[in-house]
Amino acid sequence: MDDGAVRDDTTPEHLDTVAAPEDDTARGGPAVQPRSRTIWTGRLAVAALVLAALNLRPAVTSLGPVLEEARAALGMNATVAGLLTSVPAVCFALVGSAAPRLARRHGPDGVVLAGMAAVAAGLALRPFVANTPVFLTLSGLALAGIAVANVLLPVVVKQRFPDRVGMMTGLYSMALNLGASTAAAVTVPLAGAFGGDWRAGLAAWAVLAAVALPPWLALVRDGRGPIERQAGRSAGGEAAAEAGARVRVARNPTAWALAVYFGLQATSAYVIMGWLPQMFRDSGLSAETAGLLFALTSVLGVPLSFVLAAVAGRLRDQRGIAVLLGVFGLAGYAGLWAAPAAAPWLWAVLLGVANCSFPLALTMIAMRGRDGATVIRLSAFAQSAGYLLSIPGPILVGALYQHTGGWRAPLVFVVFLMLPQIAAGYVAGRDRQI
């Protein structure tokens, strides 16, 4: 393995070749599309990526604002409601691991299309069921669709935009943050527009998922096949696909560093999403102020995700960025530990910047893979293992809070978790390819 090698698939010729319709190639027709068709396909792919990314979090963030009403209507006890906070990570880990097999059989575009259909169906149906088990099952259906899209969007970026990995990863990371924060903020007003019906407020997000279906259907009809055949259109592509299929990412230290980094940044994000408002309220701030502070951490991710991923994609080595984001996290958590009410807006900004570890992780996954076949395996491994690793953290934070009656012990725990995150980011950010 030539760790320092620069791939030649970043050339425009490679992009045109990869975009060639499979049917033309099979018939012995031209391997390169007309320029106008290539431009149209590229724009369609951008729209599809953004619309899919917008749908990767509303299934989760739309529920919290109306959870009390949903619990009352479904007879859901507090234990089951608490289980809902861990279901997304479990689904992302378990279902995401199946994405490589599905993509080899049906192609990444087709699997993302099916995933978006599952999201739309789950979100449309779950608010109108009468009991908790069916509600959880339909939530799981939507989360399963999100899980395969989580894994495959970095692969789509690598295939369709090999010379713009960072910029496109930043674009869909920005859309992901926008979808998450918008769903959290707008679900209650949407319910109010329908006479205060929480069911309508939740179901409205199925419309956004349905809007994502047409561009993905158009990409599938554009003729892109399973990942091995796509890679095979470039010079030496068949050999690259076979090599990617043989790569055992679970034995590669860079892959493990990516998995640990992904998992620990997810742990920090879940802690912030689940507990930051309560931390501020317990320090004496009002509920309204605590909500605004939390919103600040989310909104910061919208522009910063794009900028950070675009910058990281231009660098061969991302170690400095990973360490810097970790330092921001350490400073934010340390401020909360020492004096949460002294400079709450500063702590919120620091933690909002630290949360941009997510687009950095996605960018590194796409850049560490030598080809599309390897990226899909690396993405599935890093995200599945990472999400499994993230499950205990928020639960332990809650247990420490309940046991000690304060936030000092939980924050010490989170600070200590930032240290291995920084170390893993340093290893994952090296200029290496798998």
Protein backbone atom coordinates (compact mmCIF):
# COMPACT_ATOMS: atom_id res chain seq x y z
CA MET A 1 0.00 0.00 0.00
CA ASP A 2 1.42 3.36 -1.07
CA ASP A 3 0.24 5.59 1.76
CA GLY A 4 1.35 8.79 0.13
CA ALA A 5 0.04 8.08 -3.34
CA VAL A 6 -2.14 10.65 -5.01
CA ARG A 7 -5.00 9.02 -6.90
CA ASP A 8 -5.62 10.02 -10.48
CA ASP A 9 -9.39 9.63 -10.09
CA THR A 10 -9.65 13.32 -9.24
CA THR A 11 -9.36 14.27 -12.89
CA PRO A 12 -12.35 15.43 -14.92
CA GLU A 13 -11.81 12.49 -17.27
CA HIS A 14 -12.40 10.07 -14.42
CA LEU A 15 -15.57 11.87 -13.41
CA ASP A 16 -16.95 11.64 -16.95
CA THR A 17 -16.02 8.00 -17.20
CA VAL A 18 -17.63 7.06 -13.92
CA ALA A 19 -20.78 8.87 -14.95
CA ALA A 20 -21.14 6.89 -18.18
CA PRO A 21 -24.40 4.93 -18.45
CA GLU A 22 -23.96 1.23 -17.84
CA ASP A 23 -26.28 0.34 -20.68
CA ASP A 24 -24.13 2.19 -23.25
CA THR A 25 -21.00 0.48 -22.01
CA ALA A 26 -22.66 -2.93 -22.09
CA ARG A 27 -23.68 -2.38 -25.72
CA GLY A 28 -20.22 -1.27 -26.67
CA GLY A 29 -21.37 2.34 -27.08
CA PRO A 30 -19.49 5.45 -26.03
CA ALA A 31 -18.00 5.38 -22.54
CA VAL A 32 -18.20 9.12 -22.03
CA GLN A 33 -21.42 11.11 -21.79
CA PRO A 34 -22.01 14.36 -23.67
CA ARG A 35 -20.95 17.32 -21.57
CA SER A 36 -24.51 18.65 -21.22
CA ARG A 37 -25.71 15.30 -19.86
CA THR A 38 -22.79 15.11 -17.43
CA ILE A 39 -23.58 18.61 -16.12
CA TRP A 40 -27.26 17.72 -15.73
CA THR A 41 -26.40 14.53 -13.86
CA GLY A 42 -24.01 16.40 -11.59
CA ARG A 43 -26.62 18.99 -10.68
CA LEU A 44 -29.17 16.26 -10.09
CA ALA A 45 -26.73 14.47 -7.79
CA VAL A 46 -26.15 17.67 -5.79
CA ALA A 47 -29.90 18.13 -5.32
CA ALA A 48 -30.33 14.49 -4.34
CA LEU A 49 -27.52 14.68 -1.77
CA VAL A 50 -28.89 17.84 -0.15
CA LEU A 51 -32.46 16.53 0.02
CA ALA A 52 -31.34 13.20 1.49
CA ALA A 53 -29.19 14.98 4.08
CA LEU A 54 -32.10 17.20 5.13
CA ASN A 55 -33.96 13.99 6.06
CA LEU A 56 -31.24 12.34 8.14
CA ARG A 57 -32.28 13.81 11.51
CA PRO A 58 -35.92 15.08 11.59
CA ALA A 59 -37.14 11.58 12.54
CA VAL A 60 -35.17 12.03 15.77
CA THR A 61 -35.26 15.76 16.50
CA SER A 62 -38.95 16.28 15.68
CA LEU A 63 -40.09 13.89 18.40
CA GLY A 64 -38.54 15.58 21.42
CA PRO A 65 -40.67 18.76 21.35
CA VAL A 66 -43.93 16.74 21.34
CA LEU A 67 -42.78 13.70 23.32
CA GLU A 68 -44.97 14.55 26.31
CA GLU A 69 -48.08 14.62 24.13
CA ALA A 70 -47.06 11.43 22.32
CA ARG A 71 -46.47 9.61 25.61
CA ALA A 72 -49.88 10.62 26.92
CA ALA A 73 -51.68 9.57 23.73
CA LEU A 74 -49.87 6.21 23.43
CA GLY A 75 -49.70 5.35 27.12
CA MET A 76 -45.89 5.28 26.90
CA ASN A 77 -44.10 5.01 30.23
CA ALA A 78 -40.93 6.90 31.09
CA THR A 79 -38.69 3.86 30.64
CA VAL A 80 -39.84 3.30 27.07
CA ALA A 81 -39.56 7.03 26.37
CA GLY A 82 -35.98 6.87 27.60
CA LEU A 83 -35.36 3.93 25.29
CA LEU A 84 -36.24 6.14 22.34
CA THR A 85 -33.06 8.14 22.92
CA SER A 86 -30.87 5.07 22.32
CA VAL A 87 -32.88 3.52 19.47
CA PRO A 88 -31.35 5.77 16.76
CA ALA A 89 -27.77 4.81 17.60
CA VAL A 90 -28.68 1.10 17.72
CA CYS A 91 -30.46 1.28 14.34
CA PHE A 92 -27.63 3.25 12.77
CA ALA A 93 -25.11 0.67 13.97
CA LEU A 94 -26.97 -2.54 13.14
CA VAL A 95 -28.76 -1.59 9.92
CA GLY A 96 -25.85 0.47 8.63
CA SER A 97 -23.64 -2.61 8.64
CA ALA A 98 -25.87 -4.15 5.95
CA ALA A 99 -25.38 -1.23 3.56
CA PRO A 100 -22.30 -2.63 1.73
CA ARG A 101 -24.08 -5.87 0.80
CA LEU A 102 -27.16 -3.98 -0.35
CA ALA A 103 -25.08 -1.54 -2.40
CA ARG A 104 -23.16 -4.34 -4.13
CA ARG A 105 -26.44 -5.89 -5.21
CA HIS A 106 -28.52 -2.82 -6.05
CA GLY A 107 -26.06 0.07 -6.30
CA PRO A 108 -25.67 2.92 -3.77
CA ASP A 109 -28.20 5.15 -5.54
CA GLY A 110 -30.90 2.48 -5.47
CA VAL A 111 -30.32 1.71 -1.79
CA VAL A 112 -30.48 5.40 -0.82
CA LEU A 113 -33.72 5.66 -2.81
CA ALA A 114 -35.17 2.74 -0.85
CA GLY A 115 -33.93 4.30 2.37
CA MET A 116 -35.68 7.59 1.64
CA ALA A 117 -38.88 5.67 0.83
CA ALA A 118 -38.61 3.91 4.21
CA VAL A 119 -38.13 7.27 5.95
CA ALA A 120 -41.20 8.72 4.23
CA ALA A 121 -43.35 5.70 5.06
CA GLY A 122 -42.24 5.49 8.68
CA LEU A 123 -42.73 9.20 9.34
CA ALA A 124 -46.11 9.29 7.59
CA LEU A 125 -47.56 6.32 9.47
CA ARG A 126 -46.11 6.41 12.98
CA PRO A 127 -48.08 9.40 14.33
CA PHE A 128 -51.42 7.74 13.56
CA VAL A 129 -50.97 4.39 15.30
CA ALA A 130 -52.71 3.65 18.58
CA ASN A 131 -50.09 1.78 20.60
CA THR A 132 -46.45 2.07 21.59
CA PRO A 133 -45.02 -1.12 19.97
CA VAL A 134 -46.26 -0.15 16.50
CA PHE A 135 -45.04 3.43 17.02
CA LEU A 136 -41.59 2.09 17.89
CA THR A 137 -41.64 -0.29 14.90
CA LEU A 138 -42.47 2.50 12.45
CA SER A 139 -39.86 4.73 14.06
CA GLY A 140 -37.41 1.88 13.49
CA LEU A 141 -38.43 1.71 9.82
CA ALA A 142 -37.62 5.40 9.35
CA LEU A 143 -34.36 5.05 11.27
CA ALA A 144 -33.37 2.03 9.16
CA GLY A 145 -33.75 4.14 6.04
CA ILE A 146 -31.63 6.84 7.62
CA ALA A 147 -29.00 4.28 8.62
CA VAL A 148 -28.28 3.08 5.08
CA ALA A 149 -28.21 6.66 3.80
CA ASN A 150 -25.76 7.58 6.60
CA VAL A 151 -23.35 4.96 5.32
CA LEU A 152 -23.81 5.45 1.58
CA LEU A 153 -23.81 9.24 1.15
CA PRO A 154 -20.00 9.43 1.60
CA VAL A 155 -19.75 6.74 -1.08
CA VAL A 156 -21.95 8.70 -3.48
CA VAL A 157 -19.76 11.76 -2.88
CA LYS A 158 -16.59 9.75 -3.57
CA GLN A 159 -18.02 8.32 -6.80
CA ARG A 160 -19.70 11.36 -8.30
CA PHE A 161 -17.44 14.15 -6.98
CA PRO A 162 -13.98 12.61 -6.49
CA ASP A 163 -12.29 15.98 -6.93
CA ARG A 164 -14.67 17.82 -4.56
CA VAL A 165 -15.02 15.40 -1.64
CA GLY A 166 -14.55 18.03 1.06
CA MET A 167 -16.87 20.63 -0.46
CA MET A 168 -19.68 18.16 -1.15
CA THR A 169 -19.33 16.53 2.27
CA GLY A 170 -19.55 19.99 3.79
CA LEU A 171 -22.63 20.78 1.74
CA TYR A 172 -24.59 17.74 2.86
CA SER A 173 -23.32 18.06 6.44
CA MET A 174 -24.67 21.61 6.44
CA ALA A 175 -28.00 20.33 5.11
CA LEU A 176 -28.06 17.63 7.80
CA ASN A 177 -27.59 20.21 10.56
CA LEU A 178 -30.20 22.45 8.98
CA GLY A 179 -32.73 19.61 8.86
CA ALA A 180 -32.04 18.65 12.48
CA SER A 181 -32.35 22.16 13.91
CA THR A 182 -35.38 23.05 11.76
CA ALA A 183 -37.30 19.94 12.83
CA ALA A 184 -36.61 20.69 16.49
CA ALA A 185 -37.75 24.29 16.12
CA VAL A 186 -40.71 23.95 13.75
CA THR A 187 -42.55 20.78 14.86
CA VAL A 188 -44.54 22.52 17.61
CA PRO A 189 -45.56 25.47 15.38
CA LEU A 190 -46.57 22.98 12.69
CA ALA A 191 -48.73 21.15 15.22
CA GLY A 192 -50.23 24.48 16.23
CA ALA A 193 -51.13 25.22 12.62
CA PHE A 194 -53.21 22.03 12.63
CA GLY A 195 -55.13 22.90 15.78
CA GLY A 196 -52.46 21.75 18.22
CA ASP A 197 -52.44 18.18 16.88
CA TRP A 198 -49.02 16.69 17.67
CA ARG A 199 -49.67 13.89 15.16
CA ALA A 200 -49.87 16.35 12.28
CA GLY A 201 -46.72 18.10 13.50
CA LEU A 202 -44.79 14.81 13.32
CA ALA A 203 -46.35 13.56 10.08
CA ALA A 204 -45.48 16.76 8.23
CA TRP A 205 -41.84 15.65 8.02
CA ALA A 206 -42.85 12.76 5.77
CA VAL A 207 -43.49 15.36 3.06
CA LEU A 208 -39.83 16.42 3.13
CA ALA A 209 -38.77 12.77 2.79
CA ALA A 210 -41.16 12.29 -0.14
CA VAL A 211 -39.62 15.31 -1.91
CA ALA A 212 -36.24 13.55 -1.81
CA LEU A 213 -37.52 10.55 -3.79
CA PRO A 214 -37.73 11.94 -7.38
CA PRO A 215 -34.06 12.99 -7.76
CA TRP A 216 -32.82 9.66 -6.42
CA LEU A 217 -35.18 7.82 -8.74
CA ALA A 218 -33.78 9.86 -11.63
CA LEU A 219 -30.21 8.97 -10.61
CA VAL A 220 -31.10 5.28 -10.54
CA ARG A 221 -32.65 5.54 -14.00
CA ASP A 222 -29.53 7.36 -15.17
CA GLY A 223 -27.93 3.94 -15.38
CA ARG A 224 -25.43 3.79 -12.53
CA GLY A 225 -25.04 0.17 -11.42
CA PRO A 226 -23.62 -1.56 -8.34
CA ILE A 227 -20.39 -0.16 -7.01
CA GLU A 228 -18.06 -2.77 -8.47
CA ARG A 229 -19.35 -2.15 -12.02
CA GLN A 230 -19.11 1.62 -11.53
CA ALA A 231 -15.48 1.41 -10.50
CA GLY A 232 -14.81 -0.93 -13.41
CA ARG A 233 -15.43 1.76 -16.01
CA SER A 234 -12.20 3.60 -15.24
CA ALA A 235 -8.77 2.35 -16.27
CA GLY A 236 -7.84 -0.40 -13.87
CA GLY A 237 -11.25 0.01 -12.20
CA GLU A 238 -12.02 -3.71 -12.11
CA ALA A 239 -8.83 -4.41 -10.25
CA ALA A 240 -9.59 -1.55 -7.85
CA ALA A 241 -13.07 -2.91 -7.19
CA GLU A 242 -11.71 -6.39 -6.52
CA ALA A 243 -9.07 -4.94 -4.21
CA GLY A 244 -11.69 -2.90 -2.39
CA ALA A 245 -13.83 -5.98 -1.88
CA ARG A 246 -10.82 -7.82 -0.40
CA VAL A 247 -9.85 -5.05 2.01
CA ARG A 248 -10.42 -6.12 5.61
CA VAL A 249 -11.03 -2.77 7.22
CA ALA A 250 -11.52 -4.32 10.66
CA ARG A 251 -7.81 -5.17 10.69
CA ASN A 252 -6.63 -1.71 9.68
CA PRO A 253 -5.51 0.71 12.44
CA THR A 254 -6.67 3.75 10.47
CA ALA A 255 -10.15 2.25 10.14
CA TRP A 256 -10.26 1.63 13.88
CA ALA A 257 -9.09 5.17 14.57
CA LEU A 258 -11.92 6.46 12.37
CA ALA A 259 -14.44 4.25 14.19
CA VAL A 260 -13.28 5.44 17.62
CA TYR A 261 -13.23 9.06 16.50
CA PHE A 262 -16.70 8.75 14.99
CA GLY A 263 -18.07 7.06 18.10
CA LEU A 264 -16.62 9.52 20.60
CA GLN A 265 -17.72 12.59 18.63
CA ALA A 266 -21.21 11.05 18.46
CA THR A 267 -21.11 10.50 22.23
CA SER A 268 -20.29 14.17 22.77
CA ALA A 269 -23.03 15.23 20.35
CA TYR A 270 -25.65 13.07 22.10
CA VAL A 271 -24.60 14.45 25.49
CA ILE A 272 -24.98 18.01 24.17
CA MET A 273 -28.33 17.27 22.53
CA GLY A 274 -29.70 15.40 25.52
CA TRP A 275 -28.32 17.27 28.52
CA LEU A 276 -26.94 20.72 27.67
CA PRO A 277 -30.22 22.61 28.25
CA GLN A 278 -30.61 20.90 31.62
CA MET A 279 -27.05 21.84 32.57
CA PHE A 280 -27.81 25.50 31.92
CA ARG A 281 -31.15 25.35 33.74
CA ASP A 282 -29.56 23.74 36.77
CA SER A 283 -27.05 26.61 36.86
CA GLY A 284 -29.91 29.07 37.40
CA LEU A 285 -30.65 30.15 33.83
CA SER A 286 -34.22 30.28 32.59
CA ALA A 287 -35.68 27.59 30.38
CA GLU A 288 -35.98 30.10 27.53
CA THR A 289 -32.32 31.09 27.80
CA ALA A 290 -31.25 27.46 28.03
CA GLY A 291 -33.19 26.73 24.86
CA LEU A 292 -31.57 29.63 23.02
CA LEU A 293 -28.11 28.48 24.12
CA PHE A 294 -28.80 24.99 22.84
CA ALA A 295 -30.13 26.40 19.57
CA LEU A 296 -26.88 28.35 19.19
CA THR A 297 -24.82 25.16 19.35
CA SER A 298 -27.01 23.64 16.62
CA VAL A 299 -27.18 26.68 14.34
CA LEU A 300 -23.39 27.12 14.41
CA GLY A 301 -23.07 23.74 12.76
CA VAL A 302 -24.90 24.88 9.62
CA PRO A 303 -22.23 27.21 8.15
CA LEU A 304 -19.26 25.70 10.01
CA SER A 305 -19.94 22.19 8.69
CA PHE A 306 -19.62 23.40 5.12
CA VAL A 307 -16.52 25.52 5.70
CA LEU A 308 -14.70 22.93 7.82
CA ALA A 309 -15.34 19.99 5.48
CA ALA A 310 -14.36 22.07 2.45
CA VAL A 311 -11.08 23.08 4.10
CA ALA A 312 -10.39 19.55 5.35
CA GLY A 313 -11.02 18.16 1.87
CA ARG A 314 -8.25 20.36 0.44
CA LEU A 315 -5.70 19.05 2.94
CA ARG A 316 -3.91 15.74 2.71
CA ASP A 317 -3.58 15.62 6.50
CA GLN A 318 -6.44 16.53 8.88
CA ARG A 319 -4.68 15.91 12.21
CA GLY A 320 -4.46 19.60 13.10
CA ILE A 321 -8.19 20.15 12.58
CA ALA A 322 -9.11 17.09 14.66
CA VAL A 323 -6.91 18.25 17.54
CA LEU A 324 -8.18 21.84 17.35
CA LEU A 325 -11.84 20.74 17.49
CA GLY A 326 -11.00 18.57 20.50
CA VAL A 327 -9.43 21.55 22.26
CA PHE A 328 -12.61 23.56 21.66
CA GLY A 329 -14.58 20.72 23.26
CA LEU A 330 -12.26 20.54 26.26
CA ALA A 331 -12.55 24.30 26.79
CA GLY A 332 -16.34 24.25 26.51
CA TYR A 333 -16.82 21.38 28.94
CA ALA A 334 -14.24 22.83 31.34
CA GLY A 335 -16.15 26.12 31.34
CA LEU A 336 -19.39 24.32 32.14
CA TRP A 337 -17.63 22.50 34.97
CA ALA A 338 -16.06 25.61 36.48
CA ALA A 339 -18.74 28.29 36.07
CA PRO A 340 -21.67 27.41 33.78
CA ALA A 341 -23.55 30.66 34.38
CA ALA A 342 -20.48 32.93 34.15
CA ALA A 343 -20.10 32.86 30.35
CA PRO A 344 -22.82 30.52 29.00
CA TRP A 345 -22.78 31.98 25.49
CA LEU A 346 -19.05 31.35 25.23
CA TRP A 347 -19.43 27.74 26.38
CA ALA A 348 -22.24 27.24 23.86
CA VAL A 349 -20.09 28.60 21.02
CA LEU A 350 -17.12 26.42 22.00
CA LEU A 351 -19.27 23.29 22.09
CA GLY A 352 -20.99 24.23 18.83
CA VAL A 353 -17.59 24.40 17.12
CA ALA A 354 -16.53 21.11 18.74
CA ASN A 355 -19.65 19.45 17.32
CA CYS A 356 -18.24 20.01 13.83
CA SER A 357 -16.20 16.86 14.41
CA PHE A 358 -19.05 15.07 12.61
CA PRO A 359 -18.45 16.52 9.11
CA LEU A 360 -14.72 16.11 9.69
CA ALA A 361 -15.26 12.41 10.40
CA LEU A 362 -17.31 12.01 7.21
CA THR A 363 -14.67 13.82 5.17
CA MET A 364 -11.88 11.63 6.54
CA ILE A 365 -13.87 8.47 5.79
CA ALA A 366 -14.22 9.51 2.14
CA MET A 367 -10.56 10.53 1.86
CA ARG A 368 -9.02 7.53 3.59
CA GLY A 369 -10.61 5.07 1.17
CA ARG A 370 -8.52 4.38 -1.93
CA ASP A 371 -11.59 3.81 -4.14
CA GLY A 372 -15.37 3.69 -3.97
CA ALA A 373 -15.50 0.00 -3.05
CA THR A 374 -13.21 0.61 -0.08
CA VAL A 375 -15.04 3.76 1.01
CA ILE A 376 -18.33 1.89 1.27
CA ARG A 377 -16.77 -0.77 3.53
CA LEU A 378 -14.90 1.83 5.56
CA SER A 379 -18.01 3.99 5.98
CA ALA A 380 -20.09 1.02 7.12
CA PHE A 381 -17.42 -0.14 9.57
CA ALA A 382 -16.59 3.27 11.05
CA GLN A 383 -20.21 4.34 11.44
CA SER A 384 -21.57 1.00 12.71
CA ALA A 385 -18.77 0.47 15.23
CA GLY A 386 -18.81 4.17 16.12
CA TYR A 387 -22.54 4.30 16.83
CA LEU A 388 -22.30 1.17 18.98
CA LEU A 389 -19.48 2.83 20.90
CA SER A 390 -21.59 5.95 21.41
CA ILE A 391 -24.55 4.23 23.09
CA PRO A 392 -23.28 3.97 26.71
CA GLY A 393 -21.95 7.54 27.03
CA PRO A 394 -25.17 9.57 27.36
CA ILE A 395 -26.64 6.85 29.60
CA LEU A 396 -23.62 7.01 31.93
CA VAL A 397 -23.82 10.80 32.00
CA GLY A 398 -27.44 10.56 33.10
CA ALA A 399 -26.60 7.94 35.72
CA LEU A 400 -23.78 10.07 37.16
CA TYR A 401 -26.08 13.08 37.25
CA GLN A 402 -28.77 11.14 39.08
CA HIS A 403 -26.30 9.56 41.51
CA THR A 404 -24.34 12.72 42.39
CA GLY A 405 -27.14 15.28 42.05
CA GLY A 406 -24.95 17.63 40.03
CA TRP A 407 -23.00 18.06 36.82
CA ARG A 408 -19.40 18.09 38.01
CA ALA A 409 -18.86 14.33 37.88
CA PRO A 410 -20.63 13.89 34.50
CA LEU A 411 -18.58 16.74 33.02
CA VAL A 412 -15.32 15.26 34.29
CA PHE A 413 -16.34 12.02 32.56
CA VAL A 414 -17.05 13.82 29.28
CA VAL A 415 -13.76 15.74 29.48
CA PHE A 416 -11.87 12.47 29.86
CA LEU A 417 -13.69 11.12 26.78
CA MET A 418 -12.41 14.06 24.75
CA LEU A 419 -8.82 12.92 25.26
CA PRO A 420 -9.11 9.60 23.37
CA GLN A 421 -11.23 11.43 20.77
CA ILE A 422 -8.33 13.80 20.12
CA ALA A 423 -5.90 10.87 19.98
CA ALA A 424 -8.10 8.92 17.57
CA GLY A 425 -8.57 12.00 15.38
CA TYR A 426 -4.81 12.48 15.25
CA VAL A 427 -4.32 8.93 13.98
CA ALA A 428 -7.31 9.00 11.60
CA GLY A 429 -6.24 12.36 10.16
CA ARG A 430 -2.86 11.16 8.88
CA ASP A 431 -2.27 11.11 5.14
CA ARG A 432 -3.04 7.43 4.68
CA GLN A 433 -5.21 5.43 2.31
CA ILE A 434 -6.72 2.04 2.94
